[in-house]
């Protein structure tokens, strides 16, 4: 079986899926308490790295995805598929799992 090497540039989402780089989790609380690795929550904010072509409509045309590369987005906590490339973490999401674009 051949080995496959993945990088951000080789991952192209299909349909209405979006590839997001996960933001770093908080190292300490607002009060200044350092959090151990086991107490950190999974971040729900990330930057869009790649966007699929969009969902197919009944007539065969494509519906445009509402987010674009570079947008910072807020997504559902348990949504998507987690992917680790090198030391960076990414998540592959369906467009419906994106809740908001963060300004």
N, C-alpha and C. Protein backbone atom coordinates (compact mmCIF):
# COMPACT_ATOMS: atom_id res chain seq x y z
N UNK A 1 0.84 -1.17 0.00
CA UNK A 1 0.00 0.00 0.00
C UNK A 1 0.88 1.24 0.00
N UNK A 2 0.56 2.22 -0.83
CA UNK A 2 1.36 3.43 -0.96
C UNK A 2 1.05 4.40 0.18
N UNK A 3 2.08 5.09 0.63
CA UNK A 3 1.90 6.09 1.69
C UNK A 3 1.41 7.40 1.08
N UNK A 4 0.52 8.07 1.78
CA UNK A 4 -0.01 9.34 1.31
C UNK A 4 0.48 10.43 2.25
N UNK A 5 1.05 11.48 1.67
CA UNK A 5 1.51 12.60 2.47
C UNK A 5 0.52 13.75 2.32
N UNK A 6 0.00 14.20 3.45
CA UNK A 6 -0.97 15.29 3.42
C UNK A 6 -0.32 16.59 3.84
N UNK A 7 -0.73 17.66 3.18
CA UNK A 7 -0.36 19.00 3.61
C UNK A 7 -1.59 19.87 3.38
N UNK A 8 -1.57 21.06 3.92
CA UNK A 8 -2.72 21.95 3.79
C UNK A 8 -3.03 22.22 2.32
N UNK A 9 -2.03 22.35 1.50
CA UNK A 9 -2.25 22.66 0.09
C UNK A 9 -2.82 21.47 -0.70
N UNK A 10 -2.68 20.24 -0.19
CA UNK A 10 -3.20 19.08 -0.92
C UNK A 10 -4.61 18.69 -0.49
N UNK A 11 -5.13 19.31 0.58
CA UNK A 11 -6.49 18.98 1.04
C UNK A 11 -7.47 19.93 0.38
N UNK A 12 -8.36 19.38 -0.44
CA UNK A 12 -9.40 20.16 -1.13
C UNK A 12 -10.76 19.60 -0.72
N UNK A 13 -11.52 20.35 0.10
CA UNK A 13 -12.82 19.85 0.54
C UNK A 13 -13.78 19.66 -0.62
N UNK A 14 -14.69 18.70 -0.48
CA UNK A 14 -15.71 18.42 -1.50
C UNK A 14 -17.05 19.01 -1.06
N UNK A 15 -17.90 19.29 -2.03
CA UNK A 15 -19.25 19.77 -1.74
C UNK A 15 -19.25 21.04 -0.92
N UNK A 16 -20.06 21.04 0.15
CA UNK A 16 -20.19 22.23 0.98
C UNK A 16 -19.30 22.16 2.22
N UNK A 17 -18.23 21.40 2.15
CA UNK A 17 -17.34 21.26 3.30
C UNK A 17 -16.29 22.37 3.34
N UNK A 18 -15.82 22.64 4.56
CA UNK A 18 -14.87 23.72 4.81
C UNK A 18 -13.74 23.17 5.67
N UNK A 19 -12.49 23.50 5.33
CA UNK A 19 -11.31 23.06 6.06
C UNK A 19 -10.84 24.23 6.92
N UNK A 20 -10.81 24.04 8.25
CA UNK A 20 -10.55 25.13 9.18
C UNK A 20 -9.34 24.81 10.06
N UNK A 21 -8.43 25.80 10.20
CA UNK A 21 -7.31 25.65 11.13
C UNK A 21 -7.79 26.08 12.51
N UNK A 22 -7.67 25.19 13.48
CA UNK A 22 -8.18 25.43 14.83
C UNK A 22 -7.27 26.43 15.54
N UNK A 23 -7.89 27.42 16.22
CA UNK A 23 -7.13 28.39 17.02
C UNK A 23 -6.56 27.69 18.25
N UNK A 24 -5.50 28.26 18.80
CA UNK A 24 -4.88 27.71 20.00
C UNK A 24 -5.84 27.80 21.17
N UNK A 25 -5.84 26.80 22.05
CA UNK A 25 -6.68 26.84 23.23
C UNK A 25 -6.02 27.73 24.28
N UNK A 26 -6.84 28.24 25.19
CA UNK A 26 -6.35 29.15 26.22
C UNK A 26 -5.38 28.43 27.15
N UNK A 27 -4.27 29.10 27.47
CA UNK A 27 -3.28 28.55 28.38
C UNK A 27 -3.63 28.84 29.84
N UNK A 28 -4.35 29.97 30.07
CA UNK A 28 -4.74 30.31 31.44
C UNK A 28 -6.11 30.96 31.45
N UNK A 29 -6.72 30.95 32.62
CA UNK A 29 -8.05 31.53 32.77
C UNK A 29 -7.96 33.05 32.85
N UNK A 30 -9.13 33.71 32.86
CA UNK A 30 -9.17 35.16 32.97
C UNK A 30 -8.56 35.63 34.29
N UNK A 31 -8.64 34.79 35.31
CA UNK A 31 -8.07 35.13 36.61
C UNK A 31 -6.58 34.87 36.71
N UNK A 32 -5.97 34.29 35.67
CA UNK A 32 -4.53 34.06 35.65
C UNK A 32 -4.10 32.67 36.07
N UNK A 33 -5.04 31.75 36.25
CA UNK A 33 -4.70 30.38 36.65
C UNK A 33 -4.28 29.59 35.42
N UNK A 34 -3.10 28.97 35.49
CA UNK A 34 -2.61 28.16 34.38
C UNK A 34 -3.41 26.86 34.29
N UNK A 35 -3.82 26.50 33.08
CA UNK A 35 -4.61 25.28 32.87
C UNK A 35 -3.72 24.12 32.46
N UNK A 36 -3.88 22.95 33.09
CA UNK A 36 -3.13 21.78 32.63
C UNK A 36 -3.72 21.29 31.30
N UNK A 37 -2.97 20.52 30.57
CA UNK A 37 -3.39 20.04 29.25
C UNK A 37 -4.73 19.30 29.31
N UNK A 38 -4.98 18.56 30.37
CA UNK A 38 -6.21 17.78 30.48
C UNK A 38 -7.44 18.64 30.75
N UNK A 39 -7.28 19.85 31.25
CA UNK A 39 -8.41 20.71 31.59
C UNK A 39 -8.80 21.66 30.46
N UNK A 40 -7.99 21.72 29.42
CA UNK A 40 -8.27 22.64 28.32
C UNK A 40 -9.45 22.13 27.49
N UNK A 41 -10.33 23.06 27.10
CA UNK A 41 -11.46 22.70 26.26
C UNK A 41 -11.06 22.82 24.80
N UNK A 42 -11.72 22.04 23.97
CA UNK A 42 -11.49 22.10 22.53
C UNK A 42 -11.98 23.47 22.02
N UNK A 43 -11.13 24.22 21.33
CA UNK A 43 -11.55 25.53 20.83
C UNK A 43 -12.67 25.39 19.80
N UNK A 44 -13.50 26.41 19.69
CA UNK A 44 -14.59 26.42 18.72
C UNK A 44 -14.40 27.51 17.69
N UNK A 45 -13.22 28.11 17.64
CA UNK A 45 -12.93 29.19 16.71
C UNK A 45 -11.73 28.77 15.86
N UNK A 46 -11.80 29.12 14.58
CA UNK A 46 -10.69 28.81 13.69
C UNK A 46 -10.73 29.66 12.44
N UNK A 47 -9.68 29.52 11.63
CA UNK A 47 -9.57 30.28 10.39
C UNK A 47 -9.77 29.35 9.20
N UNK A 48 -10.62 29.78 8.26
CA UNK A 48 -10.90 28.97 7.07
C UNK A 48 -9.65 28.92 6.20
N UNK A 49 -9.22 27.70 5.87
CA UNK A 49 -8.02 27.49 5.06
C UNK A 49 -8.40 27.12 3.63
N UNK A 50 -9.48 26.35 3.47
CA UNK A 50 -9.91 25.90 2.16
C UNK A 50 -11.42 25.68 2.17
N UNK A 51 -12.05 25.93 1.01
CA UNK A 51 -13.50 25.82 0.90
C UNK A 51 -13.83 24.96 -0.32
N UNK A 52 -14.83 24.08 -0.17
CA UNK A 52 -15.30 23.27 -1.28
C UNK A 52 -16.09 24.10 -2.29
N UNK A 53 -16.45 23.50 -3.42
CA UNK A 53 -17.15 24.24 -4.48
C UNK A 53 -18.60 24.58 -4.17
N UNK A 54 -19.19 23.95 -3.16
CA UNK A 54 -20.58 24.23 -2.81
C UNK A 54 -21.47 23.03 -3.07
N UNK A 55 -22.63 23.06 -2.45
CA UNK A 55 -23.59 21.97 -2.57
C UNK A 55 -24.31 22.04 -3.92
N UNK A 56 -24.58 20.88 -4.51
CA UNK A 56 -25.32 20.84 -5.77
C UNK A 56 -26.80 21.03 -5.52
N UNK A 57 -27.43 21.91 -6.30
CA UNK A 57 -28.88 22.10 -6.26
C UNK A 57 -29.55 21.04 -7.11
N UNK A 58 -30.87 20.96 -7.05
CA UNK A 58 -31.62 19.97 -7.83
C UNK A 58 -31.42 20.14 -9.34
N UNK A 59 -31.18 21.38 -9.79
CA UNK A 59 -31.01 21.63 -11.22
C UNK A 59 -29.56 21.42 -11.69
N UNK A 60 -28.67 21.02 -10.77
CA UNK A 60 -27.28 20.73 -11.14
C UNK A 60 -26.33 21.89 -10.90
N UNK A 61 -26.85 23.08 -10.65
CA UNK A 61 -25.97 24.22 -10.35
C UNK A 61 -25.44 24.09 -8.92
N UNK A 62 -24.46 24.90 -8.58
CA UNK A 62 -23.87 24.85 -7.25
C UNK A 62 -24.30 26.06 -6.43
N UNK A 63 -24.65 25.83 -5.18
CA UNK A 63 -24.94 26.91 -4.23
C UNK A 63 -23.61 27.33 -3.62
N UNK A 64 -23.30 28.62 -3.67
CA UNK A 64 -22.03 29.12 -3.15
C UNK A 64 -21.95 28.94 -1.65
N UNK A 65 -20.74 28.63 -1.16
CA UNK A 65 -20.49 28.53 0.27
C UNK A 65 -20.37 29.96 0.81
N UNK A 66 -20.97 30.22 1.97
CA UNK A 66 -21.04 31.58 2.50
C UNK A 66 -19.73 32.09 3.10
N UNK A 67 -18.81 31.20 3.44
CA UNK A 67 -17.53 31.64 4.01
C UNK A 67 -16.46 31.58 2.93
N UNK A 68 -15.38 32.31 3.15
CA UNK A 68 -14.26 32.30 2.19
C UNK A 68 -12.95 32.09 2.94
N UNK A 69 -11.91 31.77 2.22
CA UNK A 69 -10.59 31.55 2.82
C UNK A 69 -10.17 32.82 3.56
N UNK A 70 -9.69 32.63 4.79
CA UNK A 70 -9.24 33.76 5.60
C UNK A 70 -10.26 34.20 6.64
N UNK A 71 -11.53 33.80 6.49
CA UNK A 71 -12.55 34.15 7.48
C UNK A 71 -12.27 33.45 8.80
N UNK A 72 -12.50 34.15 9.90
CA UNK A 72 -12.42 33.53 11.23
C UNK A 72 -13.84 33.13 11.59
N UNK A 73 -14.04 31.84 11.93
CA UNK A 73 -15.39 31.33 12.14
C UNK A 73 -15.55 30.67 13.51
N UNK A 74 -16.79 30.66 13.98
CA UNK A 74 -17.19 29.97 15.19
C UNK A 74 -18.01 28.77 14.75
N UNK A 75 -17.64 27.57 15.24
CA UNK A 75 -18.33 26.35 14.80
C UNK A 75 -18.80 25.53 15.99
N UNK A 76 -19.70 24.58 15.71
CA UNK A 76 -20.26 23.72 16.76
C UNK A 76 -19.16 22.94 17.46
N UNK A 77 -19.34 22.72 18.75
CA UNK A 77 -18.32 22.11 19.58
C UNK A 77 -17.90 20.71 19.14
N UNK A 78 -18.85 19.85 18.81
CA UNK A 78 -18.52 18.46 18.47
C UNK A 78 -18.67 18.18 16.98
N UNK A 79 -18.60 19.18 16.17
CA UNK A 79 -18.80 19.03 14.72
C UNK A 79 -17.49 18.68 14.01
N UNK A 80 -17.64 18.07 12.86
CA UNK A 80 -16.51 17.85 11.97
C UNK A 80 -15.60 16.71 12.32
N UNK A 81 -14.56 16.59 11.51
CA UNK A 81 -13.55 15.56 11.67
C UNK A 81 -12.22 16.22 12.00
N UNK A 82 -11.62 15.87 13.12
CA UNK A 82 -10.34 16.45 13.54
C UNK A 82 -9.21 15.84 12.74
N UNK A 83 -8.30 16.71 12.27
CA UNK A 83 -7.15 16.27 11.47
C UNK A 83 -5.92 16.99 12.00
N UNK A 84 -4.83 16.25 12.20
CA UNK A 84 -3.58 16.86 12.64
C UNK A 84 -2.55 16.74 11.53
N UNK A 85 -2.04 17.88 11.07
CA UNK A 85 -0.99 17.92 10.05
C UNK A 85 0.23 18.59 10.67
N UNK A 86 1.28 17.84 10.87
CA UNK A 86 2.45 18.38 11.56
C UNK A 86 2.07 18.69 12.99
N UNK A 87 2.34 19.91 13.44
CA UNK A 87 1.99 20.31 14.80
C UNK A 87 0.68 21.09 14.85
N UNK A 88 0.08 21.36 13.67
CA UNK A 88 -1.16 22.14 13.61
C UNK A 88 -2.38 21.24 13.59
N UNK A 89 -3.47 21.73 14.19
CA UNK A 89 -4.73 20.98 14.22
C UNK A 89 -5.74 21.66 13.30
N UNK A 90 -6.48 20.84 12.57
CA UNK A 90 -7.50 21.31 11.64
C UNK A 90 -8.78 20.54 11.89
N UNK A 91 -9.89 21.06 11.36
CA UNK A 91 -11.15 20.36 11.42
C UNK A 91 -11.84 20.52 10.07
N UNK A 92 -12.39 19.42 9.56
CA UNK A 92 -13.12 19.42 8.30
C UNK A 92 -14.60 19.44 8.65
N UNK A 93 -15.28 20.54 8.30
CA UNK A 93 -16.66 20.78 8.70
C UNK A 93 -17.59 20.86 7.52
N UNK A 94 -18.86 20.51 7.75
CA UNK A 94 -19.90 20.82 6.78
C UNK A 94 -20.27 22.29 7.02
N UNK A 95 -20.69 22.99 5.97
CA UNK A 95 -21.01 24.41 6.10
C UNK A 95 -22.09 24.64 7.16
N UNK A 96 -23.03 23.72 7.31
CA UNK A 96 -24.11 23.89 8.28
C UNK A 96 -23.62 23.89 9.72
N UNK A 97 -22.41 23.37 9.98
CA UNK A 97 -21.85 23.35 11.34
C UNK A 97 -21.17 24.65 11.72
N UNK A 98 -21.02 25.57 10.77
CA UNK A 98 -20.44 26.88 11.06
C UNK A 98 -21.56 27.78 11.57
N UNK A 99 -21.37 28.34 12.75
CA UNK A 99 -22.41 29.13 13.40
C UNK A 99 -22.33 30.61 13.06
N UNK A 100 -21.09 31.15 12.92
CA UNK A 100 -20.94 32.58 12.69
C UNK A 100 -19.56 32.89 12.13
N UNK A 101 -19.47 34.03 11.46
CA UNK A 101 -18.17 34.58 11.07
C UNK A 101 -17.81 35.60 12.14
N UNK A 102 -16.62 35.48 12.71
CA UNK A 102 -16.18 36.36 13.78
C UNK A 102 -15.43 37.54 13.17
N UNK A 103 -15.86 38.75 13.52
CA UNK A 103 -15.26 39.96 12.95
C UNK A 103 -14.04 40.33 13.66
